[in-house]
Protein backbone atom coordinates (compact mmCIF):
# COMPACT_ATOMS: atom_id res chain seq x y z
CA UNK A 1 -2.65 141.00 124.79
CA UNK A 2 -1.89 139.35 121.41
CA UNK A 3 1.14 140.52 119.52
CA UNK A 4 1.14 141.06 115.72
CA UNK A 5 4.74 140.98 114.46
CA UNK A 6 5.73 143.75 112.02
CA UNK A 7 2.64 145.75 112.97
CA UNK A 8 1.61 148.36 115.48
CA UNK A 9 0.58 147.37 118.98
CA UNK A 10 -0.54 149.05 122.18
CA UNK A 11 1.78 148.86 125.18
CA UNK A 12 0.65 149.25 128.78
CA UNK A 13 3.11 150.63 131.32
CA UNK A 14 2.73 150.68 135.11
CA UNK A 15 3.52 154.16 136.44
CA UNK A 16 2.61 156.69 139.12
CA UNK A 17 -0.03 159.25 138.09
CA UNK A 18 0.47 161.37 141.19
CA UNK A 19 1.92 160.77 144.63
CA UNK A 20 0.34 157.64 146.08
CA UNK A 21 -1.65 156.80 142.94
CA UNK A 22 -0.35 154.11 140.54
CA UNK A 23 -1.91 153.74 137.10
CA UNK A 24 -1.51 152.15 133.68
CA UNK A 25 -0.20 154.40 130.92
CA UNK A 26 -0.84 153.38 127.29
CA UNK A 27 1.12 154.16 124.14
CA UNK A 28 1.40 152.81 120.61
CA UNK A 29 4.50 151.01 119.38
CA UNK A 30 5.33 150.79 115.69
CA UNK A 31 6.57 147.87 113.60
CA UNK A 32 9.90 146.23 114.37
CA UNK A 33 12.75 147.85 112.45
CA UNK A 34 15.75 145.96 111.14
CA UNK A 35 18.34 145.49 113.85
CA UNK A 36 15.68 145.40 116.58
CA UNK A 37 14.05 142.67 118.67
CA UNK A 38 10.41 142.79 119.73
CA UNK A 39 9.70 141.43 123.21
CA UNK A 40 6.59 140.35 125.07
CA UNK A 41 6.73 140.65 128.85
CA UNK A 42 6.61 137.46 130.89
CA UNK A 43 7.49 138.65 134.40
CA UNK A 44 8.57 141.96 135.91
CA UNK A 45 9.98 142.33 139.42
CA UNK A 46 9.27 145.19 141.80
CA UNK A 47 12.35 146.93 143.18
CA UNK A 48 10.49 148.21 146.20
CA UNK A 49 13.33 150.25 147.70
CA UNK A 50 13.55 152.38 144.56
CA UNK A 51 10.07 152.36 143.07
CA UNK A 52 8.12 153.09 146.25
CA UNK A 53 10.08 156.34 146.57
CA UNK A 54 8.01 157.60 143.63
CA UNK A 55 4.81 156.39 145.29
CA UNK A 56 5.78 158.22 148.48
CA UNK A 57 7.22 161.31 146.76
CA UNK A 58 10.67 160.91 148.35
CA UNK A 59 12.73 160.17 145.24
CA UNK A 60 15.42 162.86 144.78
CA UNK A 61 14.60 163.21 141.07
CA UNK A 62 11.20 164.63 142.10
CA UNK A 63 12.93 167.53 143.86
CA UNK A 64 16.30 167.94 142.13
CA UNK A 65 17.91 167.63 138.73
CA UNK A 66 20.89 165.38 138.20
CA UNK A 67 23.62 167.24 136.31
CA UNK A 68 25.65 164.44 134.75
CA UNK A 69 28.44 166.78 133.62
CA UNK A 70 29.09 168.07 137.14
CA UNK A 71 28.01 164.93 138.96
CA UNK A 72 25.71 167.01 141.17
CA UNK A 73 22.05 167.22 142.06
CA UNK A 74 20.74 170.75 141.41
CA UNK A 75 18.06 171.51 144.04
CA UNK A 76 14.78 173.12 143.08
CA UNK A 77 14.91 171.83 139.50
CA UNK A 78 13.12 168.45 139.46
CA UNK A 79 14.06 166.18 136.58
CA UNK A 80 11.03 163.94 137.14
CA UNK A 81 7.45 165.11 137.52
CA UNK A 82 4.13 163.35 137.86
CA UNK A 83 2.87 161.49 136.03
CA UNK A 84 5.85 159.12 136.09
CA UNK A 85 4.95 156.83 133.20
CA UNK A 86 7.73 154.27 133.46
CA UNK A 87 9.09 152.34 136.44
CA UNK A 88 11.07 149.18 136.96
CA UNK A 89 14.21 147.43 135.74
CA UNK A 90 13.71 143.69 136.36
CA UNK A 91 12.17 141.97 133.34
CA UNK A 92 11.95 138.51 131.83
CA UNK A 93 10.60 138.47 128.27
CA UNK A 94 10.04 136.35 125.17
CA UNK A 95 11.29 137.30 121.70
CA UNK A 96 8.29 137.45 119.33
CA UNK A 97 9.97 139.12 116.36
CA UNK A 98 13.73 138.98 115.78
CA UNK A 99 15.26 141.32 113.22
CA UNK A 100 18.73 141.36 114.76
CA UNK A 101 21.43 138.70 114.53
CA UNK A 102 21.82 136.37 117.49
CA UNK A 103 18.15 136.20 118.46
CA UNK A 104 15.35 133.95 117.33
CA UNK A 105 11.60 133.73 117.79
CA UNK A 106 10.81 132.20 121.17
CA UNK A 107 14.11 133.03 122.86
CA UNK A 108 13.74 133.98 126.53
CA UNK A 109 15.79 136.91 127.79
CA UNK A 110 16.52 138.77 130.98
CA UNK A 111 16.58 142.51 130.42
CA UNK A 112 15.51 145.93 131.72
CA UNK A 113 12.66 147.86 130.12
CA UNK A 114 10.28 148.61 132.98
CA UNK A 115 6.84 147.32 133.94
CA UNK A 116 5.61 147.31 130.35
CA UNK A 117 3.68 144.63 128.50
CA UNK A 118 6.24 144.74 125.70
CA UNK A 119 9.27 146.49 124.32
CA UNK A 120 11.23 146.79 121.09
CA UNK A 121 14.89 146.47 122.02
CA UNK A 122 18.06 147.43 120.21
CA UNK A 123 20.67 144.77 121.06
CA UNK A 124 23.41 147.23 120.10
CA UNK A 125 22.46 149.37 123.10
CA UNK A 126 20.11 147.39 125.37
CA UNK A 127 21.32 144.63 127.68
CA UNK A 128 19.65 141.38 126.56
CA UNK A 129 20.82 138.15 128.17
CA UNK A 130 19.55 134.85 126.82
CA UNK A 131 18.27 132.59 129.58
CA UNK A 132 19.41 128.96 129.74
CA UNK A 133 16.72 126.64 128.43
CA UNK A 134 16.44 124.82 131.75
CA UNK A 135 15.96 128.02 133.79
CA UNK A 136 12.55 128.97 135.16
CA UNK A 137 11.81 132.22 133.26
CA UNK A 138 10.60 133.95 136.43
CA UNK A 139 14.23 133.93 137.59
CA UNK A 140 15.14 135.98 134.53
CA UNK A 141 13.97 139.12 136.33
CA UNK A 142 17.20 139.08 138.36
CA UNK A 143 19.64 138.70 135.47
CA UNK A 144 20.21 142.12 133.90
CA UNK A 145 20.08 144.50 136.89
CA UNK A 146 19.25 143.16 140.35
CA UNK A 147 21.86 140.41 140.36
CA UNK A 148 24.56 142.72 138.96
CA UNK A 149 23.74 145.31 141.67
CA UNK A 150 24.66 142.76 144.35
CA UNK A 151 27.58 141.34 142.36
CA UNK A 152 28.99 144.86 142.06
CA UNK A 153 28.98 145.11 145.84
CA UNK A 154 31.09 141.96 146.04
CA UNK A 155 33.32 143.30 143.25
CA UNK A 156 34.04 146.41 145.33
CA UNK A 157 35.35 144.18 148.11
CA UNK A 158 37.45 142.30 145.55
CA UNK A 159 38.96 145.55 144.26
CA UNK A 160 39.76 146.62 147.83
CA UNK A 161 41.93 143.50 148.17
CA UNK A 162 43.33 143.00 144.67
CA UNK A 163 43.13 146.34 142.87
CA UNK A 164 43.06 145.80 139.11
CA UNK A 165 43.99 142.11 139.42
CA UNK A 166 40.73 140.59 140.66
CA UNK A 167 41.06 136.87 139.82
CA UNK A 168 37.37 135.96 140.22
CA UNK A 169 34.18 137.42 141.63
CA UNK A 170 34.25 136.94 145.39
CA UNK A 171 38.02 136.65 145.72
CA UNK A 172 38.00 139.53 148.20
CA UNK A 173 35.69 137.70 150.62
CA UNK A 174 37.18 134.23 150.17
CA UNK A 175 38.04 132.85 153.59
CA UNK A 176 36.78 135.98 155.36
CA UNK A 177 33.78 136.54 157.66
CA UNK A 178 31.22 139.02 156.34
CA UNK A 179 27.99 140.57 157.50
CA UNK A 180 25.18 141.39 155.09
CA UNK A 181 23.04 144.16 156.58
CA UNK A 182 19.48 143.83 155.31
CA UNK A 183 17.63 140.66 154.36
CA UNK A 184 15.85 141.95 151.27
CA UNK A 185 16.54 140.91 147.69
CA UNK A 186 19.79 142.87 147.33
CA UNK A 187 21.04 141.63 150.68
CA UNK A 188 20.31 137.97 150.01
CA UNK A 189 21.92 138.17 146.57
CA UNK A 190 25.01 139.68 148.23
CA UNK A 191 24.99 136.79 150.69
CA UNK A 192 24.67 134.22 147.89
CA UNK A 193 27.50 135.80 145.90
CA UNK A 194 29.65 135.83 149.06
CA UNK A 195 28.88 132.14 149.55
CA UNK A 196 29.80 131.41 145.93
CA UNK A 197 33.06 133.30 146.50
CA UNK A 198 33.99 131.20 149.51
CA UNK A 199 33.39 133.52 152.48
CA UNK A 200 34.16 131.69 155.72
CA UNK A 201 31.14 132.98 157.67
CA UNK A 202 28.09 134.86 156.40
CA UNK A 203 25.51 136.42 158.70
CA UNK A 204 22.41 138.15 157.33
CA UNK A 205 21.27 140.99 159.60
CA UNK A 206 17.68 142.23 159.68
CA UNK A 207 15.31 143.28 162.48
CA UNK A 208 12.40 141.51 160.77
CA UNK A 209 11.76 137.95 162.02
CA UNK A 210 10.03 137.30 158.67
CA UNK A 211 13.18 138.15 156.71
CA UNK A 212 15.43 136.38 159.19
CA UNK A 213 13.46 133.19 158.62
CA UNK A 214 13.76 133.51 154.83
CA UNK A 215 17.53 133.97 155.19
CA UNK A 216 17.71 130.80 157.29
CA UNK A 217 15.74 128.89 154.67
CA UNK A 218 18.32 130.09 152.16
CA UNK A 219 21.01 128.49 154.32
CA UNK A 220 22.35 131.55 156.16
CA UNK A 221 22.72 132.42 159.80
CA UNK A 222 20.44 135.37 160.59
CA UNK A 223 19.96 137.74 163.52
CA UNK A 224 18.99 141.26 164.54
CA UNK A 225 21.24 144.31 164.49
CA UNK A 226 22.37 144.38 168.13
CA UNK A 227 23.05 140.64 168.12
CA UNK A 228 25.06 140.98 164.92
CA UNK A 229 27.42 143.56 166.43
CA UNK A 230 27.96 141.35 169.49
CA UNK A 231 28.44 138.28 167.28
CA UNK A 232 31.10 139.96 165.14
CA UNK A 233 32.97 141.47 168.07
CA UNK A 234 32.87 138.30 170.17
CA UNK A 235 33.58 135.55 167.64
CA UNK A 236 35.48 137.23 164.81
CA UNK A 237 38.72 138.17 166.55
CA UNK A 238 42.04 138.43 164.76
CA UNK A 239 45.49 137.91 166.22
CA UNK A 240 46.55 141.12 164.52
CA UNK A 241 43.90 143.69 163.68
CA UNK A 242 41.23 143.63 166.36
CA UNK A 243 37.70 142.26 166.35
CA UNK A 244 34.82 142.37 163.90
CA UNK A 245 33.94 141.84 160.27
CA UNK A 246 36.35 142.62 157.44
CA UNK A 247 33.42 143.71 155.27
CA UNK A 248 29.83 144.65 155.93
CA UNK A 249 27.54 144.84 152.90
CA UNK A 250 24.96 147.47 153.84
CA UNK A 251 21.58 147.30 152.05
CA UNK A 252 19.23 148.92 154.60
CA UNK A 253 18.53 152.57 153.72
CA UNK A 254 18.60 153.79 157.32
CA UNK A 255 21.34 155.94 158.86
CA UNK A 256 21.10 154.11 162.19
CA UNK A 257 21.73 150.83 160.35
CA UNK A 258 24.80 152.32 158.67
CA UNK A 259 26.05 153.35 162.10
CA UNK A 260 25.59 149.79 163.39
CA UNK A 261 27.49 148.50 160.35
CA UNK A 262 30.45 150.66 161.35
CA UNK A 263 30.31 149.32 164.89
CA UNK A 264 30.50 145.73 163.61
CA UNK A 265 33.73 146.24 161.62
CA UNK A 266 37.25 145.36 162.66
CA UNK A 267 39.68 148.30 162.69
CA UNK A 268 40.31 149.56 159.13
CA UNK A 269 37.39 147.47 157.86
CA UNK A 270 35.03 148.61 155.14
CA UNK A 271 31.29 149.06 154.72
CA UNK A 272 30.31 148.38 151.12
CA UNK A 273 27.16 150.48 150.92
CA UNK A 274 24.49 149.51 148.38
CA UNK A 275 21.58 151.27 150.10
CA UNK A 276 19.48 154.07 148.58
CA UNK A 277 19.05 156.76 151.24
CA UNK A 278 16.43 159.46 150.66
CA UNK A 279 16.82 161.58 153.76
CA UNK A 280 19.52 162.94 156.04
CA UNK A 281 21.98 161.10 158.26
CA UNK A 282 20.87 162.01 161.78
CA UNK A 283 21.68 158.53 163.15
CA UNK A 284 25.23 158.44 161.78
CA UNK A 285 28.01 159.25 164.28
CA UNK A 286 31.27 159.64 162.40
CA UNK A 287 33.17 160.86 165.47
CA UNK A 288 32.98 157.47 167.16
CA UNK A 289 33.93 154.06 165.69
CA UNK A 290 34.38 155.44 162.17
CA UNK A 291 37.01 157.91 163.37
CA UNK A 292 38.76 155.89 166.07
CA UNK A 293 38.97 152.61 164.14
CA UNK A 294 40.00 154.14 160.82
CA UNK A 295 37.01 152.72 158.95
CA UNK A 296 35.91 153.14 155.34
CA UNK A 297 32.54 153.52 153.63
CA UNK A 298 32.54 152.58 149.96
CA UNK A 299 29.42 153.32 147.90
CA UNK A 300 28.69 150.58 145.35
CA UNK A 301 26.04 151.44 142.76
CA UNK A 302 25.35 149.63 139.50
CA UNK A 303 26.50 152.48 137.24
CA UNK A 304 29.84 152.70 139.04
CA UNK A 305 32.03 149.60 138.92
CA UNK A 306 35.34 149.98 140.81
CA UNK A 307 37.56 152.20 138.68
CA UNK A 308 40.49 149.77 138.65
CA UNK A 309 38.43 146.94 137.15
CA UNK A 310 35.69 148.77 135.24
CA UNK A 311 37.07 147.79 131.84
CA UNK A 312 37.21 144.09 132.70
CA UNK A 313 34.06 143.85 134.81
CA UNK A 314 31.13 145.52 133.07
CA UNK A 315 27.43 144.97 133.70
CA UNK A 316 27.22 142.21 131.09
CA UNK A 317 29.91 140.23 132.89
CA UNK A 318 28.15 140.70 136.22
CA UNK A 319 24.92 139.54 134.56
CA UNK A 320 26.72 136.41 133.36
CA UNK A 321 27.85 135.81 136.95
CA UNK A 322 24.22 136.22 138.00
CA UNK A 323 23.13 133.50 135.57
CA UNK A 324 25.79 131.23 137.05
CA UNK A 325 24.46 131.98 140.54
CA UNK A 326 20.85 131.36 139.48
CA UNK A 327 21.80 127.97 138.09
CA UNK A 328 23.09 127.06 141.57
CA UNK A 329 20.53 128.80 143.76
CA UNK A 330 17.45 129.16 141.55
CA UNK A 331 15.33 126.50 143.19
CA UNK A 332 15.75 128.04 146.65
CA UNK A 333 15.19 131.57 145.31
CA UNK A 334 11.93 130.50 143.67
CA UNK A 335 10.77 128.68 146.78
CA UNK A 336 11.71 131.22 149.46
CA UNK A 337 12.64 134.68 148.13
CA UNK A 338 9.80 135.27 145.66
CA UNK A 339 7.07 135.79 148.23
CA UNK A 340 4.36 137.31 146.00
CA UNK A 341 3.44 136.59 142.38
CA UNK A 342 0.72 139.07 141.41
CA UNK A 343 -1.21 139.19 138.10
CA UNK A 344 0.06 142.14 136.07
CA UNK A 345 -3.46 143.57 135.75
CA UNK A 346 -3.69 143.78 139.55
CA UNK A 347 -0.41 145.70 139.95
CA UNK A 348 -1.87 149.18 140.72
CA UNK A 349 -4.14 147.84 143.45
CA UNK A 350 -1.32 145.76 144.88
CA UNK A 351 0.96 148.81 145.10
CA UNK A 352 -1.75 150.68 147.01
CA UNK A 353 -2.07 147.69 149.34
CA UNK A 354 1.70 147.59 149.80
CA UNK A 355 1.93 151.25 150.83
CA UNK A 356 -1.17 151.43 153.01
CA UNK A 357 -1.27 147.97 154.62
CA UNK A 358 2.51 147.34 154.74
CA UNK A 359 2.43 143.53 154.50
CA UNK A 360 5.59 141.50 155.00
CA UNK A 361 7.22 140.69 151.66
CA UNK A 362 10.55 140.05 150.05
CA UNK A 363 10.48 139.86 146.25
CA UNK A 364 7.25 140.78 144.46
CA UNK A 365 6.78 139.73 140.84
CA UNK A 366 4.07 140.85 138.43
CA UNK A 367 3.02 138.00 136.15
CA UNK A 368 2.04 138.88 132.57
CA UNK A 369 1.93 135.34 131.19
């Protein structure tokens, strides 16, 4: 769709019209105001673990209202209703009209504005990260949100070890064996950040042979859940402190997987939990290893950096760390982790295919170029 700077344009947005039915929503966008930057979408990544909850009707916002003041979900008062017109948070875009300092026509940025064909951003409020000129722009989808999600998991381990004095991202896993539970995008980014931080051993855990093979292609040891518990308890023994992993980074939204994570820890070890659970916790047994080994579960979500380091380590800094990671790992990510590149126009049909046919995938990208 051609863009006319300083003039109105029509934006298409991928959303969910009703449960199980994706659609394109259209709206008009006015001219670019001073202090704003107009963007054209290049690529937008699907965060399947979050976005498919709207397709399936399991997202908590469809059933409850988040009360930010109390920090509580209020049941029976949904804060989201169908149609859900906007989804997504993994975008790579080109600047087509720059009316804010620091940006020029043609700049490529990683940002978060949803599966929309364009967006007018306010750099004073929106996170816009310029991509290095040598970087493949498809990798820009990871910069502003997905990479920082995983980096924040690593940062939580750092804060466990160093409190407010974290010297560098990954310091908490340096020289330590870690398990990464789940071989999806978040899990593999956690594994790559752990590698960049100097972890001594990294094992990616996933029941899917497809995802295990991708992890191996990315240079990691990979195995199923039962094997991972045996591996940690057999090989990772400590003269003082028992057997198992110091940290497990949990990215599989299943209570039975969380329970296996606890079993794989050494006494007083920690699960850093990045998963998005939508149901109950029937498979979690807190009276067993959790209780007897004095274990911890630490939730790590992108809007909550560790309190001790939140002033020093904000999302922009984690995004900068993501760019540094992409410069090291980008070629392998492009070759192995991005398993599907789908034309943007085909996105609704592809989402239907994804839900009904359940193909193997890792990272799906919608291409608007």
